[in-house]
Every structure is written in C-alpha cells, then in structure tokens.
C-alpha atoms as a PDB file:
ATOM      1  CA  UNK A   1       5.513   9.321 -10.505  1.00  0.00           C
ATOM      2  CA  UNK A   2       7.847   7.307 -12.732  1.00  0.00           C
ATOM      3  CA  UNK A   3       8.797   8.095 -16.306  1.00  0.00           C
ATOM      4  CA  UNK A   4       5.891   6.359 -18.041  1.00  0.00           C
ATOM      5  CA  UNK A   5       2.212   6.998 -17.374  1.00  0.00           C
ATOM      6  CA  UNK A   6       0.067   4.230 -15.945  1.00  0.00           C
ATOM      7  CA  UNK A   7      -1.792   1.928 -18.282  1.00  0.00           C
ATOM      8  CA  UNK A   8      -5.571   1.861 -17.958  1.00  0.00           C
ATOM      9  CA  UNK A   9      -5.368  -1.413 -16.015  1.00  0.00           C
ATOM     10  CA  UNK A  10      -2.618  -0.108 -13.731  1.00  0.00           C
ATOM     11  CA  UNK A  11      -4.735   2.981 -12.971  1.00  0.00           C
ATOM     12  CA  UNK A  12      -7.731   0.734 -12.170  1.00  0.00           C
ATOM     13  CA  UNK A  13      -5.699  -1.392  -9.769  1.00  0.00           C
ATOM     14  CA  UNK A  14      -4.048   1.655  -8.210  1.00  0.00           C
ATOM     15  CA  UNK A  15      -7.481   3.201  -7.604  1.00  0.00           C
ATOM     16  CA  UNK A  16      -8.599  -0.077  -5.987  1.00  0.00           C
ATOM     17  CA  UNK A  17      -5.597   0.101  -3.638  1.00  0.00           C
ATOM     18  CA  UNK A  18      -6.357   3.705  -2.679  1.00  0.00           C
ATOM     19  CA  UNK A  19     -10.057   2.981  -2.103  1.00  0.00           C
ATOM     20  CA  UNK A  20      -9.253  -0.098  -0.020  1.00  0.00           C
ATOM     21  CA  UNK A  21      -6.810   1.787   2.200  1.00  0.00           C
ATOM     22  CA  UNK A  22      -9.039   4.825   2.653  1.00  0.00           C
ATOM     23  CA  UNK A  23     -12.095   2.729   3.555  1.00  0.00           C
ATOM     24  CA  UNK A  24     -10.347   0.275   5.881  1.00  0.00           C
ATOM     25  CA  UNK A  25      -7.429   2.284   7.207  1.00  0.00           C
ATOM     26  CA  UNK A  26      -4.802  -0.225   6.122  1.00  0.00           C
ATOM     27  CA  UNK A  27      -3.498  -1.531   2.798  1.00  0.00           C
ATOM     28  CA  UNK A  28      -4.615  -4.826   1.271  1.00  0.00           C
ATOM     29  CA  UNK A  29      -2.493  -7.953   1.365  1.00  0.00           C
ATOM     30  CA  UNK A  30      -1.219  -9.286  -1.944  1.00  0.00           C
ATOM     31  CA  UNK A  31      -3.895 -12.019  -1.830  1.00  0.00           C
ATOM     32  CA  UNK A  32      -6.555  -9.344  -1.357  1.00  0.00           C
ATOM     33  CA  UNK A  33      -5.115  -7.409  -4.305  1.00  0.00           C
ATOM     34  CA  UNK A  34      -5.513 -10.539  -6.452  1.00  0.00           C
ATOM     35  CA  UNK A  35      -9.174 -10.777  -5.402  1.00  0.00           C
ATOM     36  CA  UNK A  36      -9.752  -7.058  -6.018  1.00  0.00           C
ATOM     37  CA  UNK A  37      -8.211  -7.430  -9.468  1.00  0.00           C
ATOM     38  CA  UNK A  38     -10.330 -10.478 -10.256  1.00  0.00           C
ATOM     39  CA  UNK A  39      -7.146 -12.470 -10.843  1.00  0.00           C
ATOM     40  CA  UNK A  40      -7.057 -16.198 -10.259  1.00  0.00           C
ATOM     41  CA  UNK A  41      -3.371 -16.133  -9.355  1.00  0.00           C
ATOM     42  CA  UNK A  42      -1.561 -14.165  -6.648  1.00  0.00           C
ATOM     43  CA  UNK A  43       1.333 -13.921  -9.129  1.00  0.00           C
ATOM     44  CA  UNK A  44      -0.747 -11.568 -11.288  1.00  0.00           C
ATOM     45  CA  UNK A  45      -1.159  -9.270  -8.274  1.00  0.00           C
ATOM     46  CA  UNK A  46       2.562  -9.451  -7.509  1.00  0.00           C
ATOM     47  CA  UNK A  47       3.430  -8.513 -11.095  1.00  0.00           C
ATOM     48  CA  UNK A  48       0.979  -5.593 -11.028  1.00  0.00           C
ATOM     49  CA  UNK A  49       2.284  -4.339  -7.678  1.00  0.00           C
ATOM     50  CA  UNK A  50       5.864  -4.473  -8.944  1.00  0.00           C
ATOM     51  CA  UNK A  51       4.859  -2.494 -12.044  1.00  0.00           C
ATOM     52  CA  UNK A  52       3.202   0.146  -9.848  1.00  0.00           C
ATOM     53  CA  UNK A  53       6.318   0.261  -7.676  1.00  0.00           C
ATOM     54  CA  UNK A  54       8.571   0.742 -10.728  1.00  0.00           C
ATOM     55  CA  UNK A  55       6.386   3.685 -11.749  1.00  0.00           C
ATOM     56  CA  UNK A  56       6.715   5.239  -8.294  1.00  0.00           C
ATOM     57  CA  UNK A  57       3.070   4.917  -7.273  1.00  0.00           C
ATOM     58  CA  UNK A  58       3.643   2.543  -4.355  1.00  0.00           C
ATOM     59  CA  UNK A  59       6.419   1.027  -2.312  1.00  0.00           C
ATOM     60  CA  UNK A  60       6.496  -2.576  -1.166  1.00  0.00           C
ATOM     61  CA  UNK A  61       7.970  -3.625   2.172  1.00  0.00           C
ATOM     62  CA  UNK A  62       9.464  -7.104   1.752  1.00  0.00           C
ATOM     63  CA  UNK A  63       8.181  -9.726   4.149  1.00  0.00           C
ATOM     64  CA  UNK A  64       5.307  -7.585   5.456  1.00  0.00           C
ATOM     65  CA  UNK A  65       1.780  -8.898   4.843  1.00  0.00           C
ATOM     66  CA  UNK A  66       0.259  -5.461   4.350  1.00  0.00           C
ATOM     67  CA  UNK A  67       3.467  -3.800   3.225  1.00  0.00           C
ATOM     68  CA  UNK A  68       2.013  -1.715   0.398  1.00  0.00           C
ATOM     69  CA  UNK A  69       2.508   2.020   0.858  1.00  0.00           C
ATOM     70  CA  UNK A  70       0.774   4.369  -1.527  1.00  0.00           C
ATOM     71  CA  UNK A  71       3.285   7.121  -2.212  1.00  0.00           C
ATOM     72  CA  UNK A  72       0.699   9.667  -3.327  1.00  0.00           C
ATOM     73  CA  UNK A  73      -1.170   9.713  -0.015  1.00  0.00           C
ATOM     74  CA  UNK A  74      -0.496  12.762   2.090  1.00  0.00           C
ATOM     75  CA  UNK A  75       1.360  12.405   5.369  1.00  0.00           C
ATOM     76  CA  UNK A  76      -1.907  13.095   7.184  1.00  0.00           C
ATOM     77  CA  UNK A  77      -3.722  10.354   5.237  1.00  0.00           C
ATOM     78  CA  UNK A  78      -0.922   7.941   6.051  1.00  0.00           C
ATOM     79  CA  UNK A  79      -0.860   8.939   9.726  1.00  0.00           C
ATOM     80  CA  UNK A  80      -4.624   8.428  10.011  1.00  0.00           C
ATOM     81  CA  UNK A  81      -4.284   5.040   8.347  1.00  0.00           C
ATOM     82  CA  UNK A  82      -1.517   4.050  10.766  1.00  0.00           C
ATOM     83  CA  UNK A  83      -3.508   5.221  13.788  1.00  0.00           C
ATOM     84  CA  UNK A  84      -6.521   3.174  12.651  1.00  0.00           C
ATOM     85  CA  UNK A  85      -4.299   0.133  12.251  1.00  0.00           C
ATOM     86  CA  UNK A  86      -2.812   0.597  15.713  1.00  0.00           C
ATOM     87  CA  UNK A  87      -6.208   1.104  17.367  1.00  0.00           C
ATOM     88  CA  UNK A  88      -7.620  -1.921  15.557  1.00  0.00           C
ATOM     89  CA  UNK A  89      -4.644  -4.074  16.548  1.00  0.00           C
ATOM     90  CA  UNK A  90      -3.660  -4.879  12.969  1.00  0.00           C
ATOM     91  CA  UNK A  91      -0.658  -7.105  12.355  1.00  0.00           C
ATOM     92  CA  UNK A  92       2.547  -5.149  11.789  1.00  0.00           C
ATOM     93  CA  UNK A  93       0.867  -1.812  12.620  1.00  0.00           C
ATOM     94  CA  UNK A  94       3.549  -0.977  15.176  1.00  0.00           C
ATOM     95  CA  UNK A  95       6.344  -1.735  12.682  1.00  0.00           C
ATOM     96  CA  UNK A  96       4.641   0.405  10.019  1.00  0.00           C
ATOM     97  CA  UNK A  97       4.236   3.250  12.519  1.00  0.00           C
ATOM     98  CA  UNK A  98       7.924   3.058  13.459  1.00  0.00           C
ATOM     99  CA  UNK A  99       8.898   3.067   9.757  1.00  0.00           C
ATOM    100  CA  UNK A 100       6.650   6.104   9.230  1.00  0.00           C
ATOM    101  CA  UNK A 101       8.349   7.962  12.084  1.00  0.00           C
ATOM    102  CA  UNK A 102      11.828   6.879  10.981  1.00  0.00           C
ATOM    103  CA  UNK A 103      11.204   8.122   7.452  1.00  0.00           C
ATOM    104  CA  UNK A 104      10.425  11.518   8.918  1.00  0.00           C
ATOM    105  CA  UNK A 105      13.483  11.490  11.187  1.00  0.00           C
ATOM    106  CA  UNK A 106      11.345  11.365  14.363  1.00  0.00           C
ATOM    107  CA  UNK A 107      13.138   9.733  17.288  1.00  0.00           C
ATOM    108  CA  UNK A 108      11.317   7.688  19.888  1.00  0.00           C
END
C-alpha cells in the first residue's frame, strides 16, 4: 500500500471494486464504478480510481475498458478471475491473461 492510509470513502469504493470483481469474475468499467459510487459523473470515478492507484491499491491499464487490477488480490484470485473472463468471452480477457502471464515471466 502507498504511504498514506485510505480515507473512509476510498476504502468504501475499494471494497466495492473487490466485491464486484469477486462476484462477477472481472473488474468494473469506469462507468460502472461511477454507478457503484453513486456519482453522477464518470469524472468522479476517474478521480477516485487515480487516488486508489496512487496509494498502491489498484493499477489502471490505459485504454482498456475493464483495466482495473486490484493489487491486493492473490495470484490465485486473479487467475480465477481471468479464467472466468476467458470462459465468458469478456472483452479484452485474452489481453489481460497475456499481461498476467507476462508479469510472471511465463512464456507462451
């Protein structure tokens, strides 16, 4: 985690992200984060996600619709999430799986 602890609101949103991913097997889009947060603007979600990224709780893949990676999930949790996405034919699942393997120095 980053240097500063999460604010109460950041913890709430982070928990929403974790619950969403664990229940569906893939991360929410930024528009879905805005809805989960109860925000009327996607910009509020973007600002929150950037704050969580600065604190080391998530990473954001630029240009990827569901490019939120929760850094505190175990490798097994992440692998299960990726497998669900692949089986369900989710957009960008293959690219996320390749990134997962690359980050672990696994060659195809």
